[in-house]
Protein backbone atom coordinates (compact mmCIF):
# COMPACT_ATOMS: atom_id res chain seq x y z
CA MET A 1 2.62 38.88 -34.71
CA GLU A 2 -0.03 41.26 -36.06
CA HIS A 3 0.66 44.97 -36.03
CA MET A 4 -1.73 47.58 -34.72
CA PRO A 5 -2.94 49.51 -37.76
CA LYS A 6 -1.86 53.12 -37.96
CA LEU A 7 -4.57 54.63 -40.10
CA MET A 8 -4.11 57.84 -42.06
CA PRO A 9 -7.07 59.52 -43.78
CA LEU A 10 -6.80 59.13 -47.57
CA GLU A 11 -6.76 62.93 -48.04
CA LYS A 12 -3.76 63.31 -45.74
CA TRP A 13 -2.02 60.32 -47.38
CA ARG A 14 -2.56 61.93 -50.79
CA THR A 15 -0.92 65.20 -49.77
CA GLU A 16 1.94 63.60 -47.81
CA ARG A 17 2.95 60.99 -50.41
CA PHE A 18 3.10 63.23 -53.49
CA THR A 19 4.89 66.48 -54.25
CA HIS A 20 2.08 67.28 -56.70
CA PRO A 21 -0.87 65.31 -55.26
CA PRO A 22 -3.29 63.66 -57.68
CA GLY A 23 -6.95 64.64 -57.47
CA LYS A 24 -9.20 63.34 -54.71
CA SER A 25 -11.31 61.32 -57.15
CA THR A 26 -8.18 59.71 -58.61
CA VAL A 27 -6.95 58.43 -55.25
CA ARG A 28 -10.46 57.21 -54.37
CA LYS A 29 -10.46 55.23 -57.64
CA TRP A 30 -7.07 53.78 -56.75
CA ALA A 31 -8.38 52.78 -53.31
CA ASN A 32 -11.53 51.20 -54.81
CA ARG A 33 -9.43 49.19 -57.29
CA GLY A 34 -7.05 48.00 -54.58
CA ASP A 35 -4.10 49.91 -56.01
CA ILE A 36 -3.16 51.47 -52.66
CA PRO A 37 -1.70 48.87 -50.29
CA GLY A 38 -3.38 49.05 -46.90
CA ALA A 39 -6.37 51.16 -48.07
CA LYS A 40 -9.51 50.42 -46.07
CA LYS A 41 -12.98 51.92 -46.20
CA ILE A 42 -14.41 52.48 -42.74
CA GLY A 43 -17.94 53.76 -42.75
CA GLY A 44 -17.97 56.17 -45.67
CA SER A 45 -14.34 57.26 -45.38
CA TRP A 46 -11.10 55.84 -46.78
CA PHE A 47 -7.98 55.34 -44.67
CA VAL A 48 -4.54 53.94 -45.44
CA ASP A 49 -2.81 51.60 -43.00
CA ILE A 50 0.61 53.17 -43.38
CA ILE A 51 2.44 50.21 -41.85
CA GLU A 52 0.79 47.86 -44.38
CA GLU A 53 1.69 50.30 -47.16
CA GLN A 54 5.33 50.37 -46.04
CA LEU A 55 5.47 46.56 -45.97
CA THR A 56 4.29 46.29 -49.59
CA THR A 57 6.82 46.49 -52.40
CA GLY A 58 4.85 45.01 -55.28
CA ASP A 59 7.09 41.95 -55.40
CA GLU A 60 5.10 38.98 -54.02
CA LEU A 61 8.15 37.14 -52.68
CA VAL A 62 9.61 40.19 -50.92
CA ASP A 63 6.18 41.13 -49.54
CA SER A 64 5.66 37.64 -48.10
CA VAL A 65 9.07 37.80 -46.37
CA LEU A 66 8.30 41.26 -44.94
CA ARG A 67 4.92 40.11 -43.65
CA ALA A 68 6.43 36.96 -42.11
CA GLY A 69 8.81 39.12 -40.11
CA ARG A 70 6.06 41.11 -38.39
């Protein structure tokens, strides 16, 4: 079952995920490279699907099990 994306603007994600947030250009680079799970560009703005981010651990096997349980 697919989840409904819960999108958070990249700027808000940046300030909520880090005690000392990295610069705006740094997180945009991360998003462009695919380093932020669930990052999507809509129009000219970046958003992070926070559910997708939470279901991504970096371990392919664990991630596939988490996604199968949706």
